[in-house]
Amino acid sequence: MPSRSRIFLPSLVALGILAAAALARAQEWTWPEKPVNLKVLPKEFTGKRLSPIMRGFTRSLGVRCTYCHVGEEGKPLSTYDFASDQNPNKDRAREMYRMLGDISDHLNKIPPSADKRVNMWCHTCHQGRPRPTTLEEELGEAYRRSGVTLALARYRELRERYYGRGAYDFGEGSLNAFGHELLEKGDADGAIAVLRLNTSQFPQSGSVWASLAKGYLAAGQKTLAQIYYRKSLEVDPQNSDALANLRKLEKTPD
């Protein structure tokens, strides 16, 4: 005769499974039939109509629900307070949505340049980024916070995450422009660090070698400036600016 423990054990396992399933159902979240606190979207919107818009926001900005709503990442959506206005990004999103409507109204006044009008949506500017900044702006913000070391770390971070996705311009022009910006600020050493990185990224560009030469010239290192102007001409013999600057340096007494 089977023991009582052997009889009860399967029953306890089954009860545990049922309890877990009940808890999962309790935590399951579905789009509400009648969303509340809609201030920009039409109040008659149903959850079914709201769903693709909210998902479009997250894809366009590369974010998750917690970016605009009150909730803890990793917790069930049933624990979120989606109606709350406590998160300031929610009002930012509303104002951006209003702005999108204004832009579309203006575009409708312009004859389309092709057979179909371009669809304006959040991704038009954001392209997977929470803030639609340029690469130079991102580097500038990092530089103002903590100097060139943080700016270069930010560049590598953004390149690792976004390269090939069209969110930022990782061509030679972005670092070149940022390096020249630092030269204008009088930070020759910072500019050299940026421009050296650019030469490692684009070693076949005469322009970036010439920019590095300019950085060393600003730092008072004439010999290195000459070396890198020659490197620029080696890569691009037609670089007339590099040739003119090199000849000028060679005629200037040390």
Protein backbone atom coordinates (compact mmCIF):
# COMPACT_ATOMS: atom_id res chain seq x y z
CA MET A 1 0.00 0.00 0.00
CA PRO A 2 1.51 3.36 -1.01
CA SER A 3 2.43 5.66 1.84
CA ARG A 4 0.38 8.78 2.52
CA SER A 5 3.36 10.97 1.65
CA ARG A 6 3.59 9.42 -1.81
CA ILE A 7 -0.11 10.11 -2.39
CA PHE A 8 0.05 13.72 -1.24
CA LEU A 9 3.27 14.65 -3.04
CA PRO A 10 1.78 14.77 -6.59
CA SER A 11 -1.16 16.72 -5.21
CA LEU A 12 1.13 19.27 -3.62
CA VAL A 13 3.11 19.65 -6.88
CA ALA A 14 -0.12 20.15 -8.81
CA LEU A 15 -1.32 22.74 -6.31
CA GLY A 16 2.01 24.55 -6.62
CA ILE A 17 1.73 24.65 -10.40
CA LEU A 18 -1.83 25.97 -10.19
CA ALA A 19 -0.78 28.62 -7.68
CA ALA A 20 2.10 29.75 -9.91
CA ALA A 21 -0.22 29.95 -12.91
CA ALA A 22 -2.71 32.00 -10.91
CA LEU A 23 0.04 34.39 -9.82
CA ALA A 24 1.23 34.74 -13.43
CA ARG A 25 -2.32 35.58 -14.51
CA ALA A 26 -2.59 38.15 -11.74
CA GLN A 27 0.63 39.80 -12.90
CA GLU A 28 -0.26 39.62 -16.59
CA TRP A 29 -0.86 43.01 -18.15
CA THR A 30 -3.10 43.82 -21.10
CA TRP A 31 -3.82 47.07 -22.86
CA PRO A 32 -6.82 48.73 -21.15
CA GLU A 33 -10.03 48.95 -23.12
CA LYS A 34 -10.40 52.61 -22.12
CA PRO A 35 -7.03 54.27 -21.37
CA VAL A 36 -7.13 57.12 -18.88
CA ASN A 37 -5.35 60.49 -18.69
CA LEU A 38 -4.99 60.94 -22.46
CA LYS A 39 -4.13 64.62 -23.00
CA VAL A 40 -2.88 64.66 -26.59
CA LEU A 41 -4.22 61.49 -28.16
CA PRO A 42 -8.00 61.35 -28.70
CA LYS A 43 -9.79 60.38 -25.51
CA GLU A 44 -11.89 57.83 -27.37
CA PHE A 45 -8.75 55.84 -28.21
CA THR A 46 -8.92 52.20 -27.16
CA GLY A 47 -5.98 50.19 -25.91
CA LYS A 48 -5.86 48.44 -29.27
CA ARG A 49 -5.27 51.78 -31.03
CA LEU A 50 -2.88 53.00 -28.34
CA SER A 51 -0.63 49.93 -28.52
CA PRO A 52 1.07 50.56 -31.92
CA ILE A 53 1.69 54.22 -31.04
CA MET A 54 3.40 53.41 -27.74
CA ARG A 55 5.43 50.65 -29.37
CA GLY A 56 6.40 53.11 -32.10
CA PHE A 57 7.70 55.52 -29.46
CA THR A 58 9.89 52.85 -27.87
CA ARG A 59 11.36 51.72 -31.20
CA SER A 60 11.96 55.25 -32.47
CA LEU A 61 13.79 56.34 -29.31
CA GLY A 62 15.38 53.01 -28.42
CA VAL A 63 13.85 53.09 -24.93
CA ARG A 64 11.48 51.07 -22.75
CA CYS A 65 8.31 51.95 -20.87
CA THR A 66 10.17 53.34 -17.85
CA TYR A 67 11.54 56.18 -19.98
CA CYS A 68 8.18 57.99 -19.79
CA HIS A 69 6.14 56.03 -17.25
CA VAL A 70 6.30 55.29 -13.53
CA GLY A 71 7.54 51.76 -12.97
CA GLU A 72 10.61 49.70 -12.18
CA GLU A 73 12.53 48.04 -15.00
CA GLY A 74 12.27 44.28 -14.79
CA LYS A 75 9.03 44.32 -12.81
CA PRO A 76 5.69 43.17 -14.33
CA LEU A 77 3.87 45.84 -16.32
CA SER A 78 0.91 45.29 -14.01
CA THR A 79 2.91 47.11 -11.30
CA TYR A 80 3.38 50.24 -13.45
CA ASP A 81 1.34 53.41 -12.97
CA PHE A 82 0.81 54.31 -16.62
CA ALA A 83 -1.70 57.07 -15.84
CA SER A 84 0.72 58.99 -13.61
CA ASP A 85 2.28 62.25 -14.82
CA GLN A 86 5.13 62.04 -12.31
CA ASN A 87 7.79 61.21 -14.90
CA PRO A 88 8.69 64.51 -16.66
CA ASN A 89 9.52 62.67 -19.89
CA LYS A 90 5.82 61.99 -20.31
CA ASP A 91 5.04 65.68 -20.73
CA ARG A 92 8.05 66.04 -23.03
CA ALA A 93 6.64 63.25 -25.17
CA ARG A 94 3.24 64.96 -25.29
CA GLU A 95 4.78 68.23 -26.42
CA MET A 96 6.87 66.46 -29.03
CA TYR A 97 3.73 64.78 -30.33
CA ARG A 98 2.05 68.18 -30.64
CA MET A 99 5.13 69.48 -32.46
CA LEU A 100 4.96 66.51 -34.83
CA GLY A 101 1.40 67.51 -35.70
CA ASP A 102 2.51 71.09 -36.40
CA ILE A 103 5.34 69.88 -38.64
CA SER A 104 2.97 67.63 -40.57
CA ASP A 105 0.55 70.53 -41.05
CA HIS A 106 3.33 72.65 -42.56
CA LEU A 107 4.55 69.81 -44.77
CA ASN A 108 1.07 69.35 -46.15
CA LYS A 109 1.36 72.87 -47.60
CA ILE A 110 4.41 71.83 -49.65
CA PRO A 111 3.99 69.79 -52.84
CA PRO A 112 5.73 66.43 -52.34
CA SER A 113 9.01 65.96 -54.21
CA ALA A 114 8.14 62.37 -55.13
CA ASP A 115 5.04 60.33 -55.82
CA LYS A 116 4.47 59.76 -52.10
CA ARG A 117 4.84 62.22 -49.24
CA VAL A 118 7.50 61.46 -46.62
CA ASN A 119 6.00 60.14 -43.40
CA MET A 120 7.07 62.23 -40.43
CA TRP A 121 7.36 60.26 -37.21
CA CYS A 122 9.60 60.21 -34.14
CA HIS A 123 12.20 58.05 -35.88
CA THR A 124 12.69 60.76 -38.54
CA CYS A 125 14.84 62.70 -36.07
CA HIS A 126 15.55 60.27 -33.23
CA GLN A 127 16.58 57.19 -35.24
CA GLY A 128 16.75 55.00 -32.15
CA ARG A 129 18.15 57.64 -29.77
CA PRO A 130 16.36 59.16 -26.76
CA ARG A 131 17.73 62.60 -27.72
CA PRO A 132 18.21 63.50 -31.41
CA THR A 133 21.71 64.91 -30.94
CA THR A 134 24.55 64.79 -33.42
CA LEU A 135 27.75 62.93 -32.60
CA GLU A 136 29.57 66.25 -32.20
CA GLU A 137 26.96 67.45 -29.71
CA GLU A 138 27.28 64.24 -27.69
CA LEU A 139 31.06 64.57 -27.59
CA GLY A 140 30.79 68.24 -26.69
CA GLU A 141 28.52 67.47 -23.73
CA ALA A 142 30.90 64.79 -22.47
CA TYR A 143 33.86 67.15 -22.90
CA ARG A 144 32.17 69.91 -20.91
CA ARG A 145 31.44 67.48 -18.09
CA SER A 146 34.86 65.91 -17.72
CA GLY A 147 37.27 66.74 -20.53
CA VAL A 148 38.58 64.89 -23.56
CA THR A 149 39.06 61.50 -21.87
CA LEU A 150 35.33 61.20 -21.18
CA ALA A 151 34.53 62.55 -24.65
CA LEU A 152 36.61 59.81 -26.29
CA ALA A 153 35.05 57.18 -24.01
CA ARG A 154 31.63 58.45 -25.06
CA TYR A 155 32.64 58.18 -28.72
CA ARG A 156 33.65 54.54 -28.29
CA GLU A 157 30.46 53.79 -26.37
CA LEU A 158 28.24 55.31 -29.05
CA ARG A 159 30.19 53.64 -31.85
CA GLU A 160 29.85 50.26 -30.17
CA ARG A 161 26.10 50.67 -29.77
CA TYR A 162 25.05 52.58 -32.89
CA TYR A 163 27.61 52.02 -35.65
CA GLY A 164 25.89 50.98 -38.87
CA ARG A 165 22.42 51.97 -37.68
CA GLY A 166 22.33 55.52 -39.07
CA ALA A 167 21.83 57.17 -35.69
CA TYR A 168 25.13 59.08 -35.76
CA ASP A 169 27.58 60.11 -38.45
CA PHE A 170 30.72 58.10 -37.70
CA GLY A 171 32.47 59.39 -40.81
CA GLU A 172 35.76 61.26 -40.60
CA GLY A 173 34.03 64.63 -40.57
CA SER A 174 32.54 64.31 -37.09
CA LEU A 175 35.78 63.77 -35.17
CA ASN A 176 37.55 66.24 -37.44
CA ALA A 177 34.99 68.93 -36.63
CA PHE A 178 35.16 68.15 -32.91
CA GLY A 179 38.95 68.29 -32.96
CA HIS A 180 38.87 71.70 -34.67
CA GLU A 181 36.33 72.86 -32.09
CA LEU A 182 38.79 72.01 -29.33
CA LEU A 183 41.52 73.88 -31.18
CA GLU A 184 39.30 76.95 -31.23
CA LYS A 185 38.85 76.54 -27.47
CA GLY A 186 42.63 76.56 -27.06
CA ASP A 187 42.85 72.90 -26.02
CA ALA A 188 45.54 71.70 -28.41
CA ASP A 189 46.31 68.56 -26.39
CA GLY A 190 42.66 67.56 -26.36
CA ALA A 191 42.39 68.23 -30.08
CA ILE A 192 45.46 66.09 -30.77
CA ALA A 193 43.92 63.16 -28.84
CA VAL A 194 40.73 63.42 -30.89
CA LEU A 195 42.52 63.85 -34.21
CA ARG A 196 44.91 60.97 -33.54
CA LEU A 197 41.88 58.74 -33.00
CA ASN A 198 40.51 59.97 -36.32
CA THR A 199 43.70 59.06 -38.16
CA SER A 200 43.47 55.54 -36.73
CA GLN A 201 39.90 55.30 -37.99
CA PHE A 202 40.60 56.82 -41.41
CA PRO A 203 44.31 56.34 -42.24
CA GLN A 204 43.69 56.82 -45.97
CA SER A 205 42.27 60.33 -45.57
CA GLY A 206 44.68 63.15 -46.30
CA SER A 207 42.34 65.58 -44.58
CA VAL A 208 42.55 63.94 -41.16
CA TRP A 209 46.37 63.78 -41.28
CA ALA A 210 46.45 67.47 -42.17
CA SER A 211 44.14 68.23 -39.25
CA LEU A 212 46.44 66.32 -36.90
CA ALA A 213 49.35 68.36 -38.24
CA LYS A 214 47.39 71.50 -37.47
CA GLY A 215 46.85 70.26 -33.93
CA TYR A 216 50.55 69.70 -33.37
CA LEU A 217 51.32 73.10 -34.87
CA ALA A 218 48.89 74.69 -32.39
CA ALA A 219 50.71 72.84 -29.60
CA GLY A 220 54.01 74.36 -30.77
CA GLN A 221 55.39 71.05 -32.06
CA LYS A 222 56.56 72.18 -35.49
CA THR A 223 58.55 69.01 -36.33
CA LEU A 224 55.55 66.76 -35.75
CA ALA A 225 53.36 69.15 -37.73
CA GLN A 226 55.74 68.80 -40.70
CA ILE A 227 55.75 65.01 -40.37
CA TYR A 228 51.97 64.81 -40.50
CA TYR A 229 51.61 67.32 -43.32
CA ARG A 230 53.97 65.08 -45.30
CA LYS A 231 51.85 62.09 -44.33
CA SER A 232 48.78 63.92 -45.59
CA LEU A 233 50.49 64.52 -48.95
CA GLU A 234 51.65 60.92 -49.10
CA VAL A 235 48.03 59.80 -48.81
CA ASP A 236 46.60 62.60 -50.93
CA PRO A 237 49.15 64.33 -53.20
CA GLN A 238 46.43 66.74 -54.37
CA ASN A 239 45.93 68.24 -50.91
CA SER A 240 46.93 71.79 -51.78
CA ASP A 241 46.32 73.16 -48.27
CA ALA A 242 48.66 70.60 -46.73
CA LEU A 243 51.32 71.41 -49.35
CA ALA A 244 51.02 75.15 -48.77
CA ASN A 245 51.23 74.75 -44.97
CA LEU A 246 54.23 72.43 -45.24
CA ARG A 247 56.12 74.84 -47.50
CA LYS A 248 55.34 77.67 -45.14
CA LEU A 249 56.69 75.68 -42.20
CA GLU A 250 59.85 74.71 -44.07
CA LYS A 251 60.60 78.38 -44.76
CA THR A 252 59.94 79.41 -41.17
CA PRO A 253 63.03 79.45 -38.92
CA ASP A 254 62.91 77.19 -35.88
